[in-house]
């Protein structure tokens, strides 16, 4: 049986996860939220606060969607950004090949 309200939870981030992202304990992250340093119910506020702490520690920033490019660029220094490339899928043999772009299996026609 499905727990009540489980269908409503899209993302669950507890204070321990916030603490790990910011390099502090979960209890300390909760204390900062209670002091009003960030709004624990607002993902944008949380990511801004975590990224400011990570930047102070010299750690890479966590991605945050932005409405415009200038806002996204304001969160990154040019020297700190690295291009992220994906590696091609390994060649697979057999009858079925998994296609990560569609999330389906397809028949190997080679």
PDB file of N, CA and C in Angstrom:
ATOM      1  N   UNK A   1       0.836  -1.182   0.000  1.00  0.00           N
ATOM      2  CA  UNK A   1       0.000   0.000   0.000  1.00  0.00           C
ATOM      3  C   UNK A   1       0.883   1.248   0.000  1.00  0.00           C
ATOM      4  N   UNK A   2       0.503   2.222  -0.776  1.00  0.00           N
ATOM      5  CA  UNK A   2       1.264   3.457  -0.911  1.00  0.00           C
ATOM      6  C   UNK A   2       1.034   4.342   0.302  1.00  0.00           C
ATOM      7  N   UNK A   3       2.132   4.898   0.878  1.00  0.00           N
ATOM      8  CA  UNK A   3       1.964   5.808   2.015  1.00  0.00           C
ATOM      9  C   UNK A   3       1.207   7.070   1.606  1.00  0.00           C
ATOM     10  N   UNK A   4       0.431   7.599   2.515  1.00  0.00           N
ATOM     11  CA  UNK A   4      -0.355   8.800   2.250  1.00  0.00           C
ATOM     12  C   UNK A   4       0.571   9.975   1.918  1.00  0.00           C
ATOM     13  N   UNK A   5       0.257  10.667   0.843  1.00  0.00           N
ATOM     14  CA  UNK A   5       1.028  11.839   0.452  1.00  0.00           C
ATOM     15  C   UNK A   5       2.264  11.536  -0.364  1.00  0.00           C
ATOM     16  N   UNK A   6       2.570  10.254  -0.621  1.00  0.00           N
ATOM     17  CA  UNK A   6       3.796   9.928  -1.349  1.00  0.00           C
ATOM     18  C   UNK A   6       3.751  10.407  -2.790  1.00  0.00           C
ATOM     19  N   UNK A   7       2.577  10.558  -3.340  1.00  0.00           N
ATOM     20  CA  UNK A   7       2.453  11.022  -4.712  1.00  0.00           C
ATOM     21  C   UNK A   7       2.792  12.501  -4.828  1.00  0.00           C
ATOM     22  N   UNK A   8       2.732  13.240  -3.738  1.00  0.00           N
ATOM     23  CA  UNK A   8       2.955  14.678  -3.766  1.00  0.00           C
ATOM     24  C   UNK A   8       4.418  15.068  -3.642  1.00  0.00           C
ATOM     25  N   UNK A   9       5.283  14.184  -3.200  1.00  0.00           N
ATOM     26  CA  UNK A   9       6.687  14.512  -2.986  1.00  0.00           C
ATOM     27  C   UNK A   9       7.448  14.387  -4.299  1.00  0.00           C
ATOM     28  N   UNK A  10       7.958  15.514  -4.801  1.00  0.00           N
ATOM     29  CA  UNK A  10       8.753  15.500  -6.021  1.00  0.00           C
ATOM     30  C   UNK A  10      10.241  15.465  -5.704  1.00  0.00           C
ATOM     31  N   UNK A  11      10.657  16.274  -4.755  1.00  0.00           N
ATOM     32  CA  UNK A  11      12.055  16.338  -4.354  1.00  0.00           C
ATOM     33  C   UNK A  11      12.097  16.376  -2.841  1.00  0.00           C
ATOM     34  N   UNK A  12      12.934  15.531  -2.253  1.00  0.00           N
ATOM     35  CA  UNK A  12      13.064  15.534  -0.800  1.00  0.00           C
ATOM     36  C   UNK A  12      14.527  15.787  -0.463  1.00  0.00           C
ATOM     37  N   UNK A  13      14.782  16.927   0.135  1.00  0.00           N
ATOM     38  CA  UNK A  13      16.130  17.304   0.545  1.00  0.00           C
ATOM     39  C   UNK A  13      16.069  17.615   2.030  1.00  0.00           C
ATOM     40  N   UNK A  14      16.732  16.792   2.839  1.00  0.00           N
ATOM     41  CA  UNK A  14      16.717  17.056   4.279  1.00  0.00           C
ATOM     42  C   UNK A  14      17.950  17.875   4.669  1.00  0.00           C
ATOM     43  N   UNK A  15      18.001  18.259   5.929  1.00  0.00           N
ATOM     44  CA  UNK A  15      19.094  19.120   6.386  1.00  0.00           C
ATOM     45  C   UNK A  15      20.448  18.416   6.315  1.00  0.00           C
ATOM     46  N   UNK A  16      20.472  17.089   6.422  1.00  0.00           N
ATOM     47  CA  UNK A  16      21.737  16.368   6.286  1.00  0.00           C
ATOM     48  C   UNK A  16      22.300  16.512   4.877  1.00  0.00           C
ATOM     49  N   UNK A  17      21.436  16.445   3.871  1.00  0.00           N
ATOM     50  CA  UNK A  17      21.883  16.623   2.484  1.00  0.00           C
ATOM     51  C   UNK A  17      22.340  18.062   2.262  1.00  0.00           C
ATOM     52  N   UNK A  18      21.580  19.014   2.775  1.00  0.00           N
ATOM     53  CA  UNK A  18      21.969  20.424   2.651  1.00  0.00           C
ATOM     54  C   UNK A  18      23.327  20.641   3.308  1.00  0.00           C
ATOM     55  N   UNK A  19      23.514  20.036   4.473  1.00  0.00           N
ATOM     56  CA  UNK A  19      24.790  20.153   5.171  1.00  0.00           C
ATOM     57  C   UNK A  19      25.938  19.578   4.370  1.00  0.00           C
ATOM     58  N   UNK A  20      25.727  18.396   3.766  1.00  0.00           N
ATOM     59  CA  UNK A  20      26.788  17.793   2.954  1.00  0.00           C
ATOM     60  C   UNK A  20      27.127  18.668   1.758  1.00  0.00           C
ATOM     61  N   UNK A  21      26.117  19.271   1.139  1.00  0.00           N
ATOM     62  CA  UNK A  21      26.365  20.148  -0.008  1.00  0.00           C
ATOM     63  C   UNK A  21      27.150  21.392   0.392  1.00  0.00           C
ATOM     64  N   UNK A  22      26.886  21.894   1.609  1.00  0.00           N
ATOM     65  CA  UNK A  22      27.531  23.126   2.068  1.00  0.00           C
ATOM     66  C   UNK A  22      28.800  22.862   2.870  1.00  0.00           C
ATOM     67  N   UNK A  23      29.102  21.594   3.157  1.00  0.00           N
ATOM     68  CA  UNK A  23      30.312  21.271   3.909  1.00  0.00           C
ATOM     69  C   UNK A  23      30.165  21.477   5.407  1.00  0.00           C
ATOM     70  N   UNK A  24      28.946  21.349   5.926  1.00  0.00           N
ATOM     71  CA  UNK A  24      28.682  21.509   7.357  1.00  0.00           C
ATOM     72  C   UNK A  24      27.783  20.358   7.803  1.00  0.00           C
ATOM     73  N   UNK A  25      27.485  20.297   9.093  1.00  0.00           N
ATOM     74  CA  UNK A  25      26.593  19.243   9.584  1.00  0.00           C
ATOM     75  C   UNK A  25      25.139  19.607   9.295  1.00  0.00           C
ATOM     76  N   UNK A  26      24.272  18.603   9.346  1.00  0.00           N
ATOM     77  CA  UNK A  26      22.852  18.837   9.115  1.00  0.00           C
ATOM     78  C   UNK A  26      22.237  19.742  10.163  1.00  0.00           C
ATOM     79  N   UNK A  27      22.672  19.592  11.418  1.00  0.00           N
ATOM     80  CA  UNK A  27      22.159  20.445  12.489  1.00  0.00           C
ATOM     81  C   UNK A  27      22.536  21.898  12.291  1.00  0.00           C
ATOM     82  N   UNK A  28      23.751  22.130  11.810  1.00  0.00           N
ATOM     83  CA  UNK A  28      24.189  23.498  11.543  1.00  0.00           C
ATOM     84  C   UNK A  28      23.402  24.094  10.377  1.00  0.00           C
ATOM     85  N   UNK A  29      23.133  23.283   9.345  1.00  0.00           N
ATOM     86  CA  UNK A  29      22.338  23.756   8.208  1.00  0.00           C
ATOM     87  C   UNK A  29      20.932  24.136   8.663  1.00  0.00           C
ATOM     88  N   UNK A  30      20.365  23.349   9.572  1.00  0.00           N
ATOM     89  CA  UNK A  30      19.035  23.657  10.102  1.00  0.00           C
ATOM     90  C   UNK A  30      19.062  24.956  10.903  1.00  0.00           C
ATOM     91  N   UNK A  31      20.133  25.146  11.690  1.00  0.00           N
ATOM     92  CA  UNK A  31      20.258  26.374  12.482  1.00  0.00           C
ATOM     93  C   UNK A  31      20.343  27.603  11.580  1.00  0.00           C
ATOM     94  N   UNK A  32      21.099  27.504  10.474  1.00  0.00           N
ATOM     95  CA  UNK A  32      21.182  28.625   9.533  1.00  0.00           C
ATOM     96  C   UNK A  32      19.815  28.931   8.926  1.00  0.00           C
ATOM     97  N   UNK A  33      19.027  27.891   8.631  1.00  0.00           N
ATOM     98  CA  UNK A  33      17.683  28.106   8.080  1.00  0.00           C
ATOM     99  C   UNK A  33      16.785  28.780   9.109  1.00  0.00           C
ATOM    100  N   UNK A  34      16.895  28.364  10.356  1.00  0.00           N
ATOM    101  CA  UNK A  34      16.070  28.963  11.408  1.00  0.00           C
ATOM    102  C   UNK A  34      16.454  30.415  11.665  1.00  0.00           C
ATOM    103  N   UNK A  35      17.716  30.756  11.418  1.00  0.00           N
ATOM    104  CA  UNK A  35      18.168  32.149  11.566  1.00  0.00           C
ATOM    105  C   UNK A  35      17.743  33.018  10.391  1.00  0.00           C
ATOM    106  N   UNK A  36      17.241  32.388   9.333  1.00  0.00           N
ATOM    107  CA  UNK A  36      16.775  33.144   8.172  1.00  0.00           C
ATOM    108  C   UNK A  36      17.839  33.394   7.124  1.00  0.00           C
ATOM    109  N   UNK A  37      18.962  32.653   7.173  1.00  0.00           N
ATOM    110  CA  UNK A  37      20.004  32.852   6.165  1.00  0.00           C
ATOM    111  C   UNK A  37      19.566  32.342   4.795  1.00  0.00           C
ATOM    112  N   UNK A  38      18.670  31.370   4.777  1.00  0.00           N
ATOM    113  CA  UNK A  38      18.068  30.898   3.535  1.00  0.00           C
ATOM    114  C   UNK A  38      16.686  30.347   3.863  1.00  0.00           C
ATOM    115  N   UNK A  39      15.838  30.287   2.841  1.00  0.00           N
ATOM    116  CA  UNK A  39      14.490  29.748   3.006  1.00  0.00           C
ATOM    117  C   UNK A  39      14.538  28.276   2.626  1.00  0.00           C
ATOM    118  N   UNK A  40      14.380  27.393   3.597  1.00  0.00           N
ATOM    119  CA  UNK A  40      14.501  25.960   3.340  1.00  0.00           C
ATOM    120  C   UNK A  40      13.369  25.422   2.469  1.00  0.00           C
ATOM    121  N   UNK A  41      12.334  26.197   2.244  1.00  0.00           N
ATOM    122  CA  UNK A  41      11.224  25.763   1.394  1.00  0.00           C
ATOM    123  C   UNK A  41      11.331  26.317  -0.025  1.00  0.00           C
ATOM    124  N   UNK A  42      12.384  27.076  -0.301  1.00  0.00           N
ATOM    125  CA  UNK A  42      12.579  27.678  -1.617  1.00  0.00           C
ATOM    126  C   UNK A  42      13.886  27.151  -2.202  1.00  0.00           C
ATOM    127  N   UNK A  43      13.793  26.354  -3.268  1.00  0.00           N
ATOM    128  CA  UNK A  43      14.974  25.727  -3.853  1.00  0.00           C
ATOM    129  C   UNK A  43      15.974  26.757  -4.368  1.00  0.00           C
ATOM    130  N   UNK A  44      15.495  27.842  -4.947  1.00  0.00           N
ATOM    131  CA  UNK A  44      16.388  28.883  -5.451  1.00  0.00           C
ATOM    132  C   UNK A  44      17.175  29.523  -4.309  1.00  0.00           C
ATOM    133  N   UNK A  45      16.500  29.819  -3.207  1.00  0.00           N
ATOM    134  CA  UNK A  45      17.162  30.393  -2.037  1.00  0.00           C
ATOM    135  C   UNK A  45      18.191  29.422  -1.475  1.00  0.00           C
ATOM    136  N   UNK A  46      17.814  28.151  -1.405  1.00  0.00           N
ATOM    137  CA  UNK A  46      18.712  27.120  -0.886  1.00  0.00           C
ATOM    138  C   UNK A  46      19.958  26.990  -1.748  1.00  0.00           C
ATOM    139  N   UNK A  47      19.776  26.916  -3.072  1.00  0.00           N
ATOM    140  CA  UNK A  47      20.924  26.773  -3.965  1.00  0.00           C
ATOM    141  C   UNK A  47      21.820  28.004  -3.939  1.00  0.00           C
ATOM    142  N   UNK A  48      21.236  29.183  -3.849  1.00  0.00           N
ATOM    143  CA  UNK A  48      22.049  30.403  -3.764  1.00  0.00           C
ATOM    144  C   UNK A  48      22.902  30.393  -2.505  1.00  0.00           C
ATOM    145  N   UNK A  49      22.307  29.992  -1.382  1.00  0.00           N
ATOM    146  CA  UNK A  49      23.044  29.953  -0.116  1.00  0.00           C
ATOM    147  C   UNK A  49      24.138  28.890  -0.157  1.00  0.00           C
ATOM    148  N   UNK A  50      23.805  27.689  -0.659  1.00  0.00           N
ATOM    149  CA  UNK A  50      24.800  26.613  -0.753  1.00  0.00           C
ATOM    150  C   UNK A  50      25.931  27.028  -1.685  1.00  0.00           C
ATOM    151  N   UNK A  51      25.599  27.633  -2.837  1.00  0.00           N
ATOM    152  CA  UNK A  51      26.633  28.039  -3.785  1.00  0.00           C
ATOM    153  C   UNK A  51      27.537  29.125  -3.217  1.00  0.00           C
ATOM    154  N   UNK A  52      26.991  30.041  -2.428  1.00  0.00           N
ATOM    155  CA  UNK A  52      27.849  31.072  -1.833  1.00  0.00           C
ATOM    156  C   UNK A  52      28.825  30.437  -0.844  1.00  0.00           C
ATOM    157  N   UNK A  53      28.376  29.454  -0.079  1.00  0.00           N
ATOM    158  CA  UNK A  53      29.274  28.752   0.849  1.00  0.00           C
ATOM    159  C   UNK A  53      30.313  27.935   0.090  1.00  0.00           C
ATOM    160  N   UNK A  54      29.886  27.258  -0.991  1.00  0.00           N
ATOM    161  CA  UNK A  54      30.820  26.451  -1.778  1.00  0.00           C
ATOM    162  C   UNK A  54      31.864  27.342  -2.447  1.00  0.00           C
ATOM    163  N   UNK A  55      31.450  28.518  -2.897  1.00  0.00           N
ATOM    164  CA  UNK A  55      32.383  29.438  -3.536  1.00  0.00           C
ATOM    165  C   UNK A  55      33.426  29.921  -2.532  1.00  0.00           C
ATOM    166  N   UNK A  56      33.011  30.194  -1.296  1.00  0.00           N
ATOM    167  CA  UNK A  56      33.950  30.612  -0.257  1.00  0.00           C
ATOM    168  C   UNK A  56      34.967  29.521   0.046  1.00  0.00           C
ATOM    169  N   UNK A  57      34.550  28.263  -0.086  1.00  0.00           N
ATOM    170  CA  UNK A  57      35.425  27.134   0.208  1.00  0.00           C
ATOM    171  C   UNK A  57      36.231  26.695  -1.012  1.00  0.00           C
ATOM    172  N   UNK A  58      35.990  27.312  -2.166  1.00  0.00           N
ATOM    173  CA  UNK A  58      36.709  26.951  -3.383  1.00  0.00           C
ATOM    174  C   UNK A  58      36.189  25.676  -4.028  1.00  0.00           C
ATOM    175  N   UNK A  59      34.967  25.282  -3.713  1.00  0.00           N
ATOM    176  CA  UNK A  59      34.363  24.079  -4.274  1.00  0.00           C
ATOM    177  C   UNK A  59      33.574  24.446  -5.525  1.00  0.00           C
ATOM    178  N   UNK A  60      33.329  23.489  -6.417  1.00  0.00           N
ATOM    179  CA  UNK A  60      32.521  23.789  -7.604  1.00  0.00           C
ATOM    180  C   UNK A  60      31.080  24.096  -7.219  1.00  0.00           C
ATOM    181  N   UNK A  61      30.461  24.975  -7.991  1.00  0.00           N
ATOM    182  CA  UNK A  61      29.091  25.383  -7.713  1.00  0.00           C
ATOM    183  C   UNK A  61      28.107  24.345  -8.232  1.00  0.00           C
ATOM    184  N   UNK A  62      26.926  24.360  -7.674  1.00  0.00           N
ATOM    185  CA  UNK A  62      25.858  23.458  -8.083  1.00  0.00           C
ATOM    186  C   UNK A  62      24.986  24.202  -9.075  1.00  0.00           C
ATOM    187  N   UNK A  63      24.600  23.551 -10.167  1.00  0.00           N
ATOM    188  CA  UNK A  63      23.813  24.187 -11.210  1.00  0.00           C
ATOM    189  C   UNK A  63      22.466  24.664 -10.722  1.00  0.00           C
ATOM    190  N   UNK A  64      22.037  25.787 -11.287  1.00  0.00           N
ATOM    191  CA  UNK A  64      20.756  26.368 -10.914  1.00  0.00           C
ATOM    192  C   UNK A  64      20.117  26.933 -12.173  1.00  0.00           C
ATOM    193  N   UNK A  65      18.881  26.550 -12.479  1.00  0.00           N
ATOM    194  CA  UNK A  65      18.243  27.111 -13.667  1.00  0.00           C
ATOM    195  C   UNK A  65      18.003  28.604 -13.495  1.00  0.00           C
ATOM    196  N   UNK A  66      18.157  29.333 -14.581  1.00  0.00           N
ATOM    197  CA  UNK A  66      17.957  30.784 -14.539  1.00  0.00           C
ATOM    198  C   UNK A  66      17.035  31.186 -15.680  1.00  0.00           C
ATOM    199  N   UNK A  67      16.312  32.275 -15.477  1.00  0.00           N
ATOM    200  CA  UNK A  67      15.405  32.761 -16.510  1.00  0.00           C
ATOM    201  C   UNK A  67      16.158  33.384 -17.678  1.00  0.00           C
ATOM    202  N   UNK A  68      17.311  33.973 -17.393  1.00  0.00           N
ATOM    203  CA  UNK A  68      18.088  34.561 -18.476  1.00  0.00           C
ATOM    204  C   UNK A  68      19.558  34.193 -18.304  1.00  0.00           C
ATOM    205  N   UNK A  69      20.312  34.303 -19.380  1.00  0.00           N
ATOM    206  CA  UNK A  69      21.706  33.875 -19.371  1.00  0.00           C
ATOM    207  C   UNK A  69      22.565  34.738 -18.463  1.00  0.00           C
ATOM    208  N   UNK A  70      22.285  36.031 -18.372  1.00  0.00           N
ATOM    209  CA  UNK A  70      23.126  36.904 -17.555  1.00  0.00           C
ATOM    210  C   UNK A  70      23.024  36.536 -16.079  1.00  0.00           C
ATOM    211  N   UNK A  71      21.852  36.099 -15.630  1.00  0.00           N
ATOM    212  CA  UNK A  71      21.700  35.682 -14.236  1.00  0.00           C
ATOM    213  C   UNK A  71      22.505  34.409 -13.974  1.00  0.00           C
ATOM    214  N   UNK A  72      22.485  33.477 -14.932  1.00  0.00           N
ATOM    215  CA  UNK A  72      23.243  32.239 -14.770  1.00  0.00           C
ATOM    216  C   UNK A  72      24.738  32.520 -14.789  1.00  0.00           C
ATOM    217  N   UNK A  73      25.179  33.435 -15.652  1.00  0.00           N
ATOM    218  CA  UNK A  73      26.596  33.753 -15.737  1.00  0.00           C
ATOM    219  C   UNK A  73      27.088  34.469 -14.494  1.00  0.00           C
ATOM    220  N   UNK A  74      26.217  35.156 -13.789  1.00  0.00           N
ATOM    221  CA  UNK A  74      26.615  35.875 -12.582  1.00  0.00           C
ATOM    222  C   UNK A  74      27.032  34.926 -11.475  1.00  0.00           C
ATOM    223  N   UNK A  75      26.591  33.668 -11.534  1.00  0.00           N
ATOM    224  CA  UNK A  75      26.915  32.699 -10.489  1.00  0.00           C
ATOM    225  C   UNK A  75      28.251  32.004 -10.728  1.00  0.00           C
ATOM    226  N   UNK A  76      28.852  32.183 -11.909  1.00  0.00           N
ATOM    227  CA  UNK A  76      30.073  31.473 -12.240  1.00  0.00           C
ATOM    228  C   UNK A  76      31.179  32.447 -12.609  1.00  0.00           C
ATOM    229  N   UNK A  77      32.386  32.154 -12.149  1.00  0.00           N
ATOM    230  CA  UNK A  77      33.563  32.891 -12.598  1.00  0.00           C
ATOM    231  C   UNK A  77      34.080  32.194 -13.843  1.00  0.00           C
ATOM    232  N   UNK A  78      34.645  32.960 -14.779  1.00  0.00           N
ATOM    233  CA  UNK A  78      35.127  32.352 -16.015  1.00  0.00           C
ATOM    234  C   UNK A  78      36.245  31.358 -15.753  1.00  0.00           C
ATOM    235  N   UNK A  79      37.101  31.614 -14.781  1.00  0.00           N
ATOM    236  CA  UNK A  79      38.203  30.707 -14.485  1.00  0.00           C
ATOM    237  C   UNK A  79      37.761  29.423 -13.818  1.00  0.00           C
ATOM    238  N   UNK A  80      36.601  29.423 -13.174  1.00  0.00           N
ATOM    239  CA  UNK A  80      36.149  28.248 -12.439  1.00  0.00           C
ATOM    240  C   UNK A  80      35.304  27.298 -13.277  1.00  0.00           C
ATOM    241  N   UNK A  81      34.798  27.763 -14.407  1.00  0.00           N
ATOM    242  CA  UNK A  81      33.882  26.920 -15.172  1.00  0.00           C
ATOM    243  C   UNK A  81      34.663  25.915 -16.009  1.00  0.00           C
ATOM    244  N   UNK A  82      34.118  24.717 -16.100  1.00  0.00           N
ATOM    245  CA  UNK A  82      34.701  23.673 -16.917  1.00  0.00           C
ATOM    246  C   UNK A  82      33.616  23.125 -17.825  1.00  0.00           C
ATOM    247  N   UNK A  83      33.999  22.786 -19.037  1.00  0.00           N
ATOM    248  CA  UNK A  83      33.038  22.194 -19.955  1.00  0.00           C
ATOM    249  C   UNK A  83      32.800  20.746 -19.547  1.00  0.00           C
ATOM    250  N   UNK A  84      31.561  20.358 -19.523  1.00  0.00           N
ATOM    251  CA  UNK A  84      31.210  18.983 -19.191  1.00  0.00           C
ATOM    252  C   UNK A  84      30.879  18.270 -20.484  1.00  0.00           C
ATOM    253  N   UNK A  85      31.604  17.214 -20.769  1.00  0.00           N
ATOM    254  CA  UNK A  85      31.363  16.458 -21.983  1.00  0.00           C
ATOM    255  C   UNK A  85      30.891  15.066 -21.603  1.00  0.00           C
ATOM    256  N   UNK A  86      30.074  14.504 -22.441  1.00  0.00           N
ATOM    257  CA  UNK A  86      29.620  13.142 -22.196  1.00  0.00           C
ATOM    258  C   UNK A  86      30.410  12.206 -23.089  1.00  0.00           C
ATOM    259  N   UNK A  87      30.673  11.039 -22.589  1.00  0.00           N
ATOM    260  CA  UNK A  87      31.399  10.051 -23.368  1.00  0.00           C
ATOM    261  C   UNK A  87      30.406   9.266 -24.208  1.00  0.00           C
ATOM    262  N   UNK A  88      30.824   8.845 -25.388  1.00  0.00           N
ATOM    263  CA  UNK A  88      29.905   8.074 -26.219  1.00  0.00           C
ATOM    264  C   UNK A  88      29.609   6.717 -25.573  1.00  0.00           C
ATOM    265  N   UNK A  89      28.443   6.203 -25.874  1.00  0.00           N
ATOM    266  CA  UNK A  89      28.061   4.908 -25.323  1.00  0.00           C
ATOM    267  C   UNK A  89      28.969   3.824 -25.882  1.00  0.00           C
ATOM    268  N   UNK A  90      29.320   2.838 -25.070  1.00  0.00           N
ATOM    269  CA  UNK A  90      30.179   1.765 -25.567  1.00  0.00           C
ATOM    270  C   UNK A  90      29.447   0.936 -26.622  1.00  0.00           C
ATOM    271  N   UNK A  91      30.219   0.375 -27.534  1.00  0.00           N
ATOM    272  CA  UNK A  91      29.640  -0.466 -28.574  1.00  0.00           C
ATOM    273  C   UNK A  91      29.148  -1.742 -27.913  1.00  0.00           C
ATOM    274  N   UNK A  92      27.913  -2.084 -28.192  1.00  0.00           N
ATOM    275  CA  UNK A  92      27.328  -3.273 -27.593  1.00  0.00           C
ATOM    276  C   UNK A  92      26.989  -4.266 -28.685  1.00  0.00           C
ATOM    277  N   UNK A  93      27.131  -5.534 -28.373  1.00  0.00           N
ATOM    278  CA  UNK A  93      26.775  -6.573 -29.324  1.00  0.00           C
ATOM    279  C   UNK A  93      25.634  -7.383 -28.755  1.00  0.00           C
ATOM    280  N   UNK A  94      24.918  -8.035 -29.623  1.00  0.00           N
ATOM    281  CA  UNK A  94      23.789  -8.842 -29.180  1.00  0.00           C
ATOM    282  C   UNK A  94      22.528  -8.416 -29.892  1.00  0.00           C
ATOM    283  N   UNK A  95      21.419  -8.922 -29.439  1.00  0.00           N
ATOM    284  CA  UNK A  95      20.152  -8.642 -30.103  1.00  0.00           C
ATOM    285  C   UNK A  95      19.583  -7.284 -29.749  1.00  0.00           C
ATOM    286  N   UNK A  96      19.672  -6.882 -28.478  1.00  0.00           N
ATOM    287  CA  UNK A  96      19.093  -5.616 -28.051  1.00  0.00           C
ATOM    288  C   UNK A  96      20.177  -4.652 -27.598  1.00  0.00           C
ATOM    289  N   UNK A  97      19.990  -3.391 -27.930  1.00  0.00           N
ATOM    290  CA  UNK A  97      20.910  -2.336 -27.507  1.00  0.00           C
ATOM    291  C   UNK A  97      20.090  -1.283 -26.788  1.00  0.00           C
ATOM    292  N   UNK A  98      20.567  -0.860 -25.626  1.00  0.00           N
ATOM    293  CA  UNK A  98      19.877   0.175 -24.863  1.00  0.00           C
ATOM    294  C   UNK A  98      20.219   1.536 -25.446  1.00  0.00           C
ATOM    295  N   UNK A  99      19.204   2.332 -25.747  1.00  0.00           N
ATOM    296  CA  UNK A  99      19.389   3.682 -26.267  1.00  0.00           C
ATOM    297  C   UNK A  99      19.091   4.672 -25.142  1.00  0.00           C
ATOM    298  N   UNK A 100      20.140   5.303 -24.545  1.00  0.00           N
ATOM    299  CA  UNK A 100      19.907   6.201 -23.417  1.00  0.00           C
ATOM    300  C   UNK A 100      19.154   7.472 -23.795  1.00  0.00           C
ATOM    301  N   UNK A 101      19.129   7.833 -25.061  1.00  0.00           N
ATOM    302  CA  UNK A 101      18.417   9.034 -25.485  1.00  0.00           C
ATOM    303  C   UNK A 101      16.900   8.841 -25.405  1.00  0.00           C
ATOM    304  N   UNK A 102      16.442   7.631 -25.721  1.00  0.00           N
ATOM    305  CA  UNK A 102      15.006   7.364 -25.684  1.00  0.00           C
ATOM    306  C   UNK A 102      14.598   6.586 -24.445  1.00  0.00           C
ATOM    307  N   UNK A 103      15.563   5.945 -23.791  1.00  0.00           N
ATOM    308  CA  UNK A 103      15.255   5.134 -22.614  1.00  0.00           C
ATOM    309  C   UNK A 103      14.665   3.792 -22.978  1.00  0.00           C
ATOM    310  N   UNK A 104      14.807   3.382 -24.230  1.00  0.00           N
ATOM    311  CA  UNK A 104      14.245   2.118 -24.700  1.00  0.00           C
ATOM    312  C   UNK A 104      15.348   1.227 -25.251  1.00  0.00           C
ATOM    313  N   UNK A 105      14.994  -0.030 -25.470  1.00  0.00           N
ATOM    314  CA  UNK A 105      15.888  -0.964 -26.133  1.00  0.00           C
ATOM    315  C   UNK A 105      15.505  -1.028 -27.599  1.00  0.00           C
ATOM    316  N   UNK A 106      16.508  -1.211 -28.449  1.00  0.00           N
ATOM    317  CA  UNK A 106      16.227  -1.351 -29.874  1.00  0.00           C
ATOM    318  C   UNK A 106      16.982  -2.567 -30.400  1.00  0.00           C
ATOM    319  N   UNK A 107      16.545  -3.081 -31.530  1.00  0.00           N
ATOM    320  CA  UNK A 107      17.157  -4.259 -32.132  1.00  0.00           C
ATOM    321  C   UNK A 107      18.432  -3.837 -32.837  1.00  0.00           C
ATOM    322  N   UNK A 108      19.490  -4.630 -32.670  1.00  0.00           N
ATOM    323  CA  UNK A 108      20.760  -4.363 -33.329  1.00  0.00           C
ATOM    324  C   UNK A 108      20.651  -4.812 -34.776  1.00  0.00           C
ATOM    325  N   UNK A 109      20.704  -3.857 -35.703  1.00  0.00           N
ATOM    326  CA  UNK A 109      20.548  -4.166 -37.125  1.00  0.00           C
ATOM    327  C   UNK A 109      21.875  -4.318 -37.842  1.00  0.00           C
ATOM    328  N   UNK A 110      22.986  -4.374 -37.153  1.00  0.00           N
ATOM    329  CA  UNK A 110      24.280  -4.472 -37.832  1.00  0.00           C
ATOM    330  C   UNK A 110      24.732  -5.875 -37.995  1.00  0.00           C
TER     331      UNK A 110
END
